[in-house]
Amino acid sequence: MASRTDASSGRRFRLKGCRVVVTGKFQNKSRLDVQLLVIKHGCTLRRDISQRTSFILAGARPGVSKMKLAAKFKIPIYGLTDFLKKDFLAKS
């Protein structure tokens, strides 16, 4: 199962079952491709942010209201490059 430790909080993420919100535009991939990638790694796609959101996958120009809610709930925000890094998707 894939996992990642968030350096700022020390939290360990397990991608299987993570609730992920995708927002913004992505340079080299369509939003659908990004969403399918998230699902492929065992995450559940969500449209809205809640306290139960595991993290946000943000491209350029993410939704302002989503970013405000992420800050309010202290939800980690990652770019596609972060998501694709080997250490993020490495098997634990």
C-alpha atoms as a PDB file:
ATOM      1  CA  MET A   1       0.000   0.000   0.000  1.00  0.00           C
ATOM      2  CA  ALA A   2       1.358   3.455  -0.844  1.00  0.00           C
ATOM      3  CA  SER A   3       2.106   5.910   1.912  1.00  0.00           C
ATOM      4  CA  ARG A   4       3.708   9.279   2.501  1.00  0.00           C
ATOM      5  CA  THR A   5       4.746  11.218   5.580  1.00  0.00           C
ATOM      6  CA  ASP A   6       3.810  14.886   5.482  1.00  0.00           C
ATOM      7  CA  ALA A   7       6.970  16.650   6.675  1.00  0.00           C
ATOM      8  CA  SER A   8       5.141  19.634   8.150  1.00  0.00           C
ATOM      9  CA  SER A   9       2.792  17.637  10.371  1.00  0.00           C
ATOM     10  CA  GLY A  10       4.448  14.228  10.548  1.00  0.00           C
ATOM     11  CA  ARG A  11       1.145  12.627   9.482  1.00  0.00           C
ATOM     12  CA  ARG A  12       1.431   9.446   7.454  1.00  0.00           C
ATOM     13  CA  PHE A  13      -0.896   9.144   4.486  1.00  0.00           C
ATOM     14  CA  ARG A  14      -2.120   5.856   3.076  1.00  0.00           C
ATOM     15  CA  LEU A  15      -3.376   6.495  -0.419  1.00  0.00           C
ATOM     16  CA  LYS A  16      -5.840   3.628  -0.406  1.00  0.00           C
ATOM     17  CA  GLY A  17      -9.039   5.145   0.897  1.00  0.00           C
ATOM     18  CA  CYS A  18      -7.730   8.724   0.974  1.00  0.00           C
ATOM     19  CA  ARG A  19     -10.327  11.323   0.129  1.00  0.00           C
ATOM     20  CA  VAL A  20      -8.874  13.644  -2.477  1.00  0.00           C
ATOM     21  CA  VAL A  21     -10.195  16.835  -4.040  1.00  0.00           C
ATOM     22  CA  VAL A  22      -8.744  17.808  -7.443  1.00  0.00           C
ATOM     23  CA  THR A  23      -8.854  21.512  -8.299  1.00  0.00           C
ATOM     24  CA  GLY A  24      -7.266  23.868 -10.815  1.00  0.00           C
ATOM     25  CA  LYS A  25      -5.841  23.331 -14.283  1.00  0.00           C
ATOM     26  CA  PHE A  26      -2.994  20.938 -15.001  1.00  0.00           C
ATOM     27  CA  GLN A  27      -0.320  21.735 -17.552  1.00  0.00           C
ATOM     28  CA  ASN A  28       0.353  18.375 -19.202  1.00  0.00           C
ATOM     29  CA  LYS A  29      -2.709  16.333 -18.237  1.00  0.00           C
ATOM     30  CA  SER A  30      -6.432  16.791 -18.516  1.00  0.00           C
ATOM     31  CA  ARG A  31      -8.467  16.960 -15.314  1.00  0.00           C
ATOM     32  CA  LEU A  32      -9.956  13.566 -16.210  1.00  0.00           C
ATOM     33  CA  ASP A  33      -6.476  12.043 -16.530  1.00  0.00           C
ATOM     34  CA  VAL A  34      -5.522  13.429 -13.119  1.00  0.00           C
ATOM     35  CA  GLN A  35      -8.732  12.120 -11.565  1.00  0.00           C
ATOM     36  CA  LEU A  36      -8.168   8.666 -13.063  1.00  0.00           C
ATOM     37  CA  LEU A  37      -4.606   8.674 -11.710  1.00  0.00           C
ATOM     38  CA  VAL A  38      -5.911   9.460  -8.228  1.00  0.00           C
ATOM     39  CA  ILE A  39      -8.442   6.628  -8.453  1.00  0.00           C
ATOM     40  CA  LYS A  40      -5.781   4.243  -9.804  1.00  0.00           C
ATOM     41  CA  HIS A  41      -3.811   4.746  -6.596  1.00  0.00           C
ATOM     42  CA  GLY A  42      -6.764   3.782  -4.430  1.00  0.00           C
ATOM     43  CA  CYS A  43      -8.033   7.219  -3.500  1.00  0.00           C
ATOM     44  CA  THR A  44     -11.651   8.302  -3.425  1.00  0.00           C
ATOM     45  CA  LEU A  45     -12.400  11.424  -5.446  1.00  0.00           C
ATOM     46  CA  ARG A  46     -14.483  14.083  -3.734  1.00  0.00           C
ATOM     47  CA  ARG A  47     -15.892  17.266  -5.233  1.00  0.00           C
ATOM     48  CA  ASP A  48     -16.223  19.190  -1.989  1.00  0.00           C
ATOM     49  CA  ILE A  49     -13.772  19.781   0.833  1.00  0.00           C
ATOM     50  CA  SER A  50     -14.664  18.659   4.326  1.00  0.00           C
ATOM     51  CA  GLN A  51     -12.788  17.896   7.528  1.00  0.00           C
ATOM     52  CA  ARG A  52     -12.515  14.328   6.243  1.00  0.00           C
ATOM     53  CA  THR A  53     -10.591  15.340   3.094  1.00  0.00           C
ATOM     54  CA  SER A  54      -7.121  13.729   3.166  1.00  0.00           C
ATOM     55  CA  PHE A  55      -5.432  16.186   0.811  1.00  0.00           C
ATOM     56  CA  ILE A  56      -5.988  18.437  -2.182  1.00  0.00           C
ATOM     57  CA  LEU A  57      -4.324  17.898  -5.538  1.00  0.00           C
ATOM     58  CA  ALA A  58      -4.069  21.402  -6.982  1.00  0.00           C
ATOM     59  CA  GLY A  59      -3.090  22.647 -10.388  1.00  0.00           C
ATOM     60  CA  ALA A  60      -2.759  26.233 -11.591  1.00  0.00           C
ATOM     61  CA  ARG A  61      -5.530  28.627 -10.540  1.00  0.00           C
ATOM     62  CA  PRO A  62      -7.216  26.402  -7.931  1.00  0.00           C
ATOM     63  CA  GLY A  63     -10.654  27.401  -6.713  1.00  0.00           C
ATOM     64  CA  VAL A  64     -10.474  30.223  -4.166  1.00  0.00           C
ATOM     65  CA  SER A  65     -13.227  28.806  -1.971  1.00  0.00           C
ATOM     66  CA  LYS A  66     -11.540  25.391  -1.948  1.00  0.00           C
ATOM     67  CA  MET A  67      -8.241  26.934  -0.881  1.00  0.00           C
ATOM     68  CA  LYS A  68      -9.974  28.866   1.908  1.00  0.00           C
ATOM     69  CA  LEU A  69     -11.620  25.681   3.199  1.00  0.00           C
ATOM     70  CA  ALA A  70      -8.313  23.809   2.962  1.00  0.00           C
ATOM     71  CA  ALA A  71      -6.684  26.463   5.132  1.00  0.00           C
ATOM     72  CA  LYS A  72      -9.598  26.428   7.581  1.00  0.00           C
ATOM     73  CA  PHE A  73      -9.434  22.623   7.982  1.00  0.00           C
ATOM     74  CA  LYS A  74      -5.593  22.512   7.703  1.00  0.00           C
ATOM     75  CA  ILE A  75      -5.729  20.104   4.778  1.00  0.00           C
ATOM     76  CA  PRO A  76      -2.419  19.483   2.954  1.00  0.00           C
ATOM     77  CA  ILE A  77      -2.210  20.745  -0.621  1.00  0.00           C
ATOM     78  CA  TYR A  78       0.004  19.001  -3.182  1.00  0.00           C
ATOM     79  CA  GLY A  79       0.771  19.666  -6.815  1.00  0.00           C
ATOM     80  CA  LEU A  80       0.750  16.976  -9.468  1.00  0.00           C
ATOM     81  CA  THR A  81       4.561  16.826  -9.405  1.00  0.00           C
ATOM     82  CA  ASP A  82       4.460  16.049  -5.669  1.00  0.00           C
ATOM     83  CA  PHE A  83       1.832  13.383  -6.229  1.00  0.00           C
ATOM     84  CA  LEU A  84       3.890  11.719  -8.947  1.00  0.00           C
ATOM     85  CA  LYS A  85       7.136  11.629  -6.950  1.00  0.00           C
ATOM     86  CA  LYS A  86       8.366   8.146  -6.207  1.00  0.00           C
ATOM     87  CA  ASP A  87       8.601   8.800  -2.460  1.00  0.00           C
ATOM     88  CA  PHE A  88       4.936   9.806  -2.420  1.00  0.00           C
ATOM     89  CA  LEU A  89       3.792   6.647  -4.188  1.00  0.00           C
ATOM     90  CA  ALA A  90       6.466   4.285  -2.844  1.00  0.00           C
ATOM     91  CA  LYS A  91       5.273   1.084  -1.274  1.00  0.00           C
ATOM     92  CA  SER A  92       5.512   0.988   2.492  1.00  0.00           C
END
